[in-house]
């Protein structure tokens, strides 16, 4: 794996950890976002990858995008890097999980919420304070209304407040909240439910969810049926999983 200045990659069985490591508070500058883009793109070549876990060193997950790069000579480059970071994050076939233990603010909150799943400690905080410095959060503007509805999105994005992980969980913005003193163990346990699955079936299932989500129900079912019959049922692992169930044994995933 490549060496980076602002992030670290740690490879495990069926997973890669992406560790934000730009002290003191993991501010996302252009260089760091380009490193994340490069890492996300590289995961496409790992056909056995089931989980990409994004976590952070330090007391904050991330304080957001570097305000100093909002200058007229850098802002376009910054916005392009920020947008491409999500483009390649969303193209990852594996399950993407953000593990937030500390504050995730601004672009840091968007990076966490941009993952498929978000788990947090009971000490974590989430917020989009961009409105207080005269701008808005581009990705959150698009995604938050889909996740929590239009009215709550207005409250979060136009009020600029910071919320507890319990509140983020209550409104459906994140998936789980774990006690801080058992956070690492609970994250490992949570991740294991996905690393035990087939990479190919995870990828096709993600595609089905994404392609059907914004369609009317009948149209969505047509899309999903075609994926099931023409793609899923042509994989080794779909056939293996069904056979293993009937034969009362554990499946032997090949991840294709």
Protein backbone atom coordinates (compact mmCIF):
# COMPACT_ATOMS: atom_id res chain seq x y z
CA UNK A 1 0.00 0.00 0.00
CA UNK A 2 1.05 3.57 -0.69
CA UNK A 3 2.58 5.80 1.96
CA UNK A 4 0.82 9.09 2.69
CA UNK A 5 1.55 12.20 4.73
CA UNK A 6 -1.92 12.74 6.24
CA UNK A 7 -3.57 9.33 6.35
CA UNK A 8 -2.52 5.78 7.16
CA UNK A 9 -3.82 2.54 5.67
CA UNK A 10 -3.91 -0.64 7.71
CA UNK A 11 -4.91 -3.81 5.91
CA UNK A 12 -6.64 -6.69 7.71
CA UNK A 13 -8.63 -9.78 6.82
CA UNK A 14 -11.27 -8.56 4.39
CA UNK A 15 -10.91 -4.93 5.45
CA UNK A 16 -8.79 -1.81 5.17
CA UNK A 17 -8.66 0.86 7.85
CA UNK A 18 -8.22 4.43 6.64
CA UNK A 19 -6.86 6.44 9.56
CA UNK A 20 -7.07 10.22 9.46
CA UNK A 21 -3.76 11.36 10.92
CA UNK A 22 -3.24 15.09 10.49
CA UNK A 23 -2.77 16.46 13.99
CA UNK A 24 -4.04 18.15 15.94
CA UNK A 25 -7.65 17.96 14.67
CA UNK A 26 -7.47 16.29 11.22
CA UNK A 27 -8.41 19.35 9.17
CA UNK A 28 -9.07 18.28 5.58
CA UNK A 29 -6.80 20.30 3.32
CA UNK A 30 -6.44 19.73 -0.43
CA UNK A 31 -3.41 17.49 0.00
CA UNK A 32 -5.20 15.27 2.50
CA UNK A 33 -8.33 15.01 0.34
CA UNK A 34 -6.20 14.02 -2.66
CA UNK A 35 -4.62 11.29 -0.54
CA UNK A 36 -8.08 10.02 0.41
CA UNK A 37 -9.10 10.06 -3.26
CA UNK A 38 -6.02 8.05 -4.20
CA UNK A 39 -6.70 5.53 -1.43
CA UNK A 40 -10.39 5.17 -2.33
CA UNK A 41 -9.55 4.61 -5.99
CA UNK A 42 -7.02 1.91 -5.08
CA UNK A 43 -9.65 -0.14 -3.25
CA UNK A 44 -11.39 -0.93 -6.56
CA UNK A 45 -8.61 -3.38 -7.39
CA UNK A 46 -9.15 -5.46 -4.23
CA UNK A 47 -11.85 -7.95 -5.19
CA UNK A 48 -11.90 -9.57 -1.73
CA UNK A 49 -12.41 -6.35 0.21
CA UNK A 50 -15.56 -6.34 2.33
CA UNK A 51 -15.10 -3.32 4.61
CA UNK A 52 -13.39 0.06 4.44
CA UNK A 53 -13.29 1.48 7.97
CA UNK A 54 -12.55 5.20 8.33
CA UNK A 55 -11.40 6.32 11.76
CA UNK A 56 -9.07 8.96 13.18
CA UNK A 57 -6.14 9.52 15.49
CA UNK A 58 -6.41 12.32 18.03
CA UNK A 59 -9.26 13.82 20.00
CA UNK A 60 -11.38 14.77 16.95
CA UNK A 61 -12.52 12.72 13.99
CA UNK A 62 -12.13 15.86 11.88
CA UNK A 63 -12.73 19.57 12.41
CA UNK A 64 -13.63 19.95 8.73
CA UNK A 65 -12.18 21.45 5.57
CA UNK A 66 -9.32 23.94 5.83
CA UNK A 67 -10.83 27.44 5.96
CA UNK A 68 -7.53 28.87 4.73
CA UNK A 69 -8.10 27.13 1.39
CA UNK A 70 -11.38 28.98 0.79
CA UNK A 71 -9.40 31.81 -0.80
CA UNK A 72 -10.22 32.91 -4.35
CA UNK A 73 -7.08 31.28 -5.77
CA UNK A 74 -7.70 27.89 -4.10
CA UNK A 75 -11.45 27.51 -3.58
CA UNK A 76 -12.21 25.90 -6.95
CA UNK A 77 -9.40 23.36 -6.50
CA UNK A 78 -10.65 22.69 -2.97
CA UNK A 79 -14.27 22.14 -4.06
CA UNK A 80 -13.18 19.80 -6.87
CA UNK A 81 -11.06 17.75 -4.46
CA UNK A 82 -13.89 17.66 -1.92
CA UNK A 83 -16.42 16.51 -4.52
CA UNK A 84 -14.07 13.90 -5.96
CA UNK A 85 -13.44 12.53 -2.48
CA UNK A 86 -17.12 11.52 -2.32
CA UNK A 87 -17.23 10.41 -5.94
CA UNK A 88 -14.60 7.77 -5.25
CA UNK A 89 -15.87 6.97 -1.76
CA UNK A 90 -19.27 6.15 -3.26
CA UNK A 91 -17.71 3.97 -5.96
CA UNK A 92 -16.17 1.58 -3.40
CA UNK A 93 -17.81 -1.84 -3.69
CA UNK A 94 -17.10 -2.76 -0.07
CA UNK A 95 -19.15 -1.55 2.91
CA UNK A 96 -17.78 1.82 4.05
CA UNK A 97 -18.01 2.50 7.78
CA UNK A 98 -17.05 5.63 9.70
CA UNK A 99 -16.06 5.09 13.34
CA UNK A 100 -16.37 8.48 15.05
CA UNK A 101 -14.87 8.90 18.51
CA UNK A 102 -14.72 12.65 18.99
CA UNK A 103 -16.17 15.58 17.07
CA UNK A 104 -16.98 15.33 13.35
CA UNK A 105 -17.64 18.87 12.19
CA UNK A 106 -18.19 20.49 8.81
CA UNK A 107 -16.44 18.52 6.09
CA UNK A 108 -15.47 15.98 8.74
CA UNK A 109 -19.14 15.35 9.48
CA UNK A 110 -19.81 15.06 5.75
CA UNK A 111 -16.99 12.53 5.34
CA UNK A 112 -18.45 10.41 8.13
CA UNK A 113 -22.06 10.65 6.91
CA UNK A 114 -20.88 9.95 3.34
CA UNK A 115 -20.03 6.40 4.40
CA UNK A 116 -22.59 3.61 4.09
CA UNK A 117 -22.70 3.23 7.88
CA UNK A 118 -21.68 5.40 10.83
CA UNK A 119 -20.94 4.26 14.38
CA UNK A 120 -19.97 6.67 17.13
CA UNK A 121 -18.99 6.79 20.77
CA UNK A 122 -21.29 8.41 23.30
CA UNK A 123 -18.75 11.25 23.51
CA UNK A 124 -18.86 12.00 19.77
CA UNK A 125 -20.39 15.19 18.32
CA UNK A 126 -21.74 15.97 14.87
CA UNK A 127 -22.45 19.31 13.25
CA UNK A 128 -22.41 21.48 10.14
CA UNK A 129 -21.36 24.95 11.35
CA UNK A 130 -20.49 26.31 7.88
CA UNK A 131 -23.43 28.75 7.94
CA UNK A 132 -21.66 30.63 10.75
CA UNK A 133 -18.76 31.53 8.46
CA UNK A 134 -20.96 32.46 5.52
CA UNK A 135 -20.94 29.29 3.41
CA UNK A 136 -22.91 26.03 3.17
CA UNK A 137 -21.78 22.37 3.20
CA UNK A 138 -22.05 21.10 -0.40
CA UNK A 139 -22.30 17.36 0.21
CA UNK A 140 -24.58 17.69 3.26
CA UNK A 141 -26.92 19.91 1.24
CA UNK A 142 -27.43 17.02 -1.18
CA UNK A 143 -27.40 14.05 1.20
CA UNK A 144 -28.92 15.20 4.51
CA UNK A 145 -32.47 15.74 3.13
CA UNK A 146 -32.41 12.13 1.85
CA UNK A 147 -31.25 10.80 5.24
CA UNK A 148 -33.23 12.87 7.75
CA UNK A 149 -35.84 14.75 5.69
CA UNK A 150 -36.08 18.31 4.45
CA UNK A 151 -37.10 20.02 7.69
CA UNK A 152 -34.44 18.45 9.89
CA UNK A 153 -31.88 19.14 7.17
CA UNK A 154 -32.83 22.83 7.29
CA UNK A 155 -32.39 22.79 11.07
CA UNK A 156 -28.96 21.14 10.92
CA UNK A 157 -27.57 23.07 7.96
CA UNK A 158 -29.06 26.53 8.55
CA UNK A 159 -28.74 26.58 12.34
CA UNK A 160 -25.13 25.48 12.50
CA UNK A 161 -25.48 23.76 15.87
CA UNK A 162 -23.45 20.80 17.13
CA UNK A 163 -25.36 17.72 18.24
CA UNK A 164 -24.63 14.67 20.38
CA UNK A 165 -24.16 11.23 18.90
CA UNK A 166 -27.37 10.16 20.70
CA UNK A 167 -29.33 12.88 18.87
CA UNK A 168 -27.73 11.96 15.52
CA UNK A 169 -28.71 8.36 16.17
CA UNK A 170 -32.25 9.27 17.23
CA UNK A 171 -32.99 11.03 13.94
CA UNK A 172 -31.42 8.27 11.84
CA UNK A 173 -28.29 10.10 10.73
CA UNK A 174 -25.98 7.46 12.22
CA UNK A 175 -26.39 3.75 12.91
CA UNK A 176 -25.04 2.94 16.37
CA UNK A 177 -23.74 4.61 19.52
CA UNK A 178 -21.29 2.72 21.75
CA UNK A 179 -19.92 3.62 25.16
CA UNK A 180 -16.54 5.31 24.84
CA UNK A 181 -14.85 2.85 27.22
CA UNK A 182 -15.75 -0.08 24.97
CA UNK A 183 -15.76 1.72 21.64
CA UNK A 184 -12.87 -0.07 19.90
CA UNK A 185 -14.12 -3.53 20.88
CA UNK A 186 -17.67 -2.73 19.78
CA UNK A 187 -16.44 -1.34 16.45
CA UNK A 188 -14.48 -4.55 15.81
CA UNK A 189 -17.56 -6.60 16.64
CA UNK A 190 -19.73 -4.46 14.36
CA UNK A 191 -17.26 -4.69 11.47
CA UNK A 192 -17.02 -8.47 11.77
CA UNK A 193 -20.62 -8.97 10.67
CA UNK A 194 -19.63 -7.56 7.27
CA UNK A 195 -16.15 -9.06 6.86
CA UNK A 196 -17.75 -12.51 7.23
CA UNK A 197 -19.84 -11.97 4.08
CA UNK A 198 -19.07 -12.37 0.38
CA UNK A 199 -17.41 -9.36 -1.26
CA UNK A 200 -19.21 -9.95 -4.56
CA UNK A 201 -22.64 -10.22 -2.93
CA UNK A 202 -21.99 -7.08 -0.86
CA UNK A 203 -21.06 -5.17 -4.03
CA UNK A 204 -24.18 -6.24 -5.94
CA UNK A 205 -26.41 -5.61 -2.91
CA UNK A 206 -25.02 -2.07 -2.60
CA UNK A 207 -25.65 -1.51 -6.29
CA UNK A 208 -29.24 -2.70 -5.90
CA UNK A 209 -29.90 -0.36 -2.97
CA UNK A 210 -28.36 2.65 -4.70
CA UNK A 211 -30.08 2.09 -8.05
CA UNK A 212 -33.52 1.48 -6.56
CA UNK A 213 -33.53 4.04 -3.76
CA UNK A 214 -34.85 7.11 -5.58
CA UNK A 215 -37.16 5.27 -7.99
CA UNK A 216 -40.87 4.61 -7.59
CA UNK A 217 -41.44 1.19 -5.99
CA UNK A 218 -42.46 -0.62 -9.19
CA UNK A 219 -39.52 0.77 -11.17
CA UNK A 220 -37.17 -0.05 -8.33
CA UNK A 221 -38.37 -3.65 -8.21
CA UNK A 222 -37.78 -4.02 -11.95
CA UNK A 223 -34.19 -2.79 -11.57
CA UNK A 224 -33.54 -5.04 -8.58
CA UNK A 225 -35.08 -8.11 -10.27
CA UNK A 226 -32.74 -7.71 -13.24
CA UNK A 227 -29.70 -7.33 -11.00
CA UNK A 228 -30.76 -10.43 -9.07
CA UNK A 229 -31.29 -12.63 -12.12
CA UNK A 230 -28.63 -11.34 -14.51
CA UNK A 231 -25.83 -10.48 -12.10
CA UNK A 232 -26.23 -11.93 -8.61
CA UNK A 233 -27.29 -15.42 -9.71
CA UNK A 234 -24.29 -15.64 -12.05
CA UNK A 235 -21.84 -15.35 -9.17
CA UNK A 236 -20.13 -18.30 -7.54
CA UNK A 237 -20.98 -17.00 -4.08
CA UNK A 238 -24.75 -16.75 -4.55
CA UNK A 239 -24.82 -20.38 -5.64
CA UNK A 240 -22.42 -21.37 -2.85
CA UNK A 241 -24.42 -19.57 -0.17
CA UNK A 242 -27.66 -21.27 -1.17
CA UNK A 243 -25.98 -24.68 -1.42
CA UNK A 244 -24.32 -24.25 1.98
CA UNK A 245 -27.66 -23.42 3.59
CA UNK A 246 -29.34 -26.50 2.12
CA UNK A 247 -26.38 -28.69 3.09
CA UNK A 248 -26.27 -27.20 6.62
CA UNK A 249 -22.63 -26.06 6.42
CA UNK A 250 -20.71 -22.78 6.42
CA UNK A 251 -20.29 -21.20 2.98
CA UNK A 252 -16.87 -21.10 1.37
CA UNK A 253 -16.84 -17.65 -0.19
CA UNK A 254 -14.63 -17.06 -3.24
CA UNK A 255 -15.68 -13.40 -3.60
CA UNK A 256 -16.67 -13.66 -7.25
